[in-house]
Amino acid sequence: MIFDKLEFAIKATPFKYTLDGVYGGKICSQLICQQCGKVKNRLENFYNLSLEVKNLKSVYESFQKFITGEIISDY
């Protein structure tokens, strides 16, 4: 929420891309059809990630869990 307010406040200034450059990133969500192999990518900007930490030993494990794929059978 703080980033939204800061982004709005500096939108019309020369510093409008500062938050993106320092705190921002892009994440790619990818859907792959198991029948035909077609790939659909969606890029999203982010300022923070919500990682699971319960019962995990390190940040590396949290990232591994975050990027682990899943099969969606009803899509």
Protein backbone atom coordinates (compact mmCIF):
# COMPACT_ATOMS: atom_id res chain seq x y z
CA MET A 1 0.00 0.00 0.00
CA ILE A 2 2.84 2.39 0.78
CA PHE A 3 4.34 1.74 -2.64
CA ASP A 4 1.03 2.58 -4.32
CA LYS A 5 0.93 5.93 -2.53
CA LEU A 6 4.57 6.68 -3.30
CA GLU A 7 4.14 5.68 -6.92
CA PHE A 8 1.15 8.01 -7.26
CA ALA A 9 2.97 10.86 -5.50
CA ILE A 10 6.02 10.74 -7.80
CA LYS A 11 4.14 9.87 -11.00
CA ALA A 12 4.51 13.32 -12.58
CA THR A 13 8.14 13.85 -11.51
CA PRO A 14 11.47 12.84 -13.01
CA PHE A 15 11.63 10.13 -10.32
CA LYS A 16 8.60 8.20 -11.58
CA TYR A 17 10.64 5.02 -12.30
CA THR A 18 12.68 5.06 -9.10
CA LEU A 19 10.52 2.54 -7.23
CA ASP A 20 10.58 0.13 -10.17
CA GLY A 21 14.35 0.37 -10.45
CA VAL A 22 15.06 -0.12 -6.76
CA TYR A 23 12.24 -2.30 -5.43
CA GLY A 24 10.41 -3.62 -8.45
CA GLY A 25 10.59 -6.74 -10.50
CA LYS A 26 8.61 -8.80 -12.97
CA ILE A 27 7.20 -12.24 -12.50
CA CYS A 28 6.11 -14.54 -15.30
CA SER A 29 3.11 -16.81 -14.83
CA GLN A 30 3.17 -19.59 -17.39
CA LEU A 31 0.45 -21.98 -18.54
CA ILE A 32 1.48 -24.98 -20.63
CA CYS A 33 -1.15 -27.16 -22.30
CA GLN A 34 -0.39 -30.83 -21.62
CA GLN A 35 -2.16 -31.93 -24.83
CA CYS A 36 -0.71 -29.60 -27.48
CA GLY A 37 2.23 -28.02 -25.62
CA LYS A 38 1.06 -24.44 -26.27
CA VAL A 39 2.62 -21.98 -23.82
CA LYS A 40 0.89 -18.84 -22.52
CA ASN A 41 2.99 -16.33 -20.55
CA ARG A 42 1.73 -13.43 -18.44
CA LEU A 43 4.15 -10.85 -17.04
CA GLU A 44 3.23 -8.91 -13.90
CA ASN A 45 5.08 -6.17 -12.06
CA PHE A 46 5.67 -6.61 -8.34
CA TYR A 47 7.22 -4.80 -5.39
CA ASN A 48 7.09 -7.73 -2.97
CA LEU A 49 6.60 -11.48 -3.01
CA SER A 50 4.64 -13.55 -0.53
CA LEU A 51 6.74 -16.60 0.23
CA GLU A 52 5.76 -19.50 2.42
CA VAL A 53 8.16 -19.92 5.33
CA LYS A 54 6.38 -22.31 7.68
CA ASN A 55 8.19 -25.65 7.97
CA LEU A 56 10.89 -24.54 5.49
CA LYS A 57 14.56 -24.29 6.42
CA SER A 58 15.77 -21.44 4.19
CA VAL A 59 14.79 -18.66 1.84
CA TYR A 60 16.09 -20.86 -0.97
CA GLU A 61 13.48 -23.51 -0.07
CA SER A 62 10.81 -20.81 0.01
CA PHE A 63 11.76 -19.68 -3.50
CA GLN A 64 11.82 -23.27 -4.73
CA LYS A 65 8.30 -23.80 -3.39
CA PHE A 66 7.18 -20.50 -4.95
CA ILE A 67 8.31 -21.52 -8.44
CA THR A 68 7.12 -25.13 -8.28
CA GLY A 69 4.55 -25.86 -10.96
CA GLU A 70 1.14 -27.35 -10.47
CA ILE A 71 -1.29 -29.22 -12.69
CA ILE A 72 -4.71 -27.61 -13.15
CA SER A 73 -7.08 -30.28 -14.44
CA ASP A 74 -10.24 -28.16 -14.81
CA TYR A 75 -8.77 -25.33 -16.90
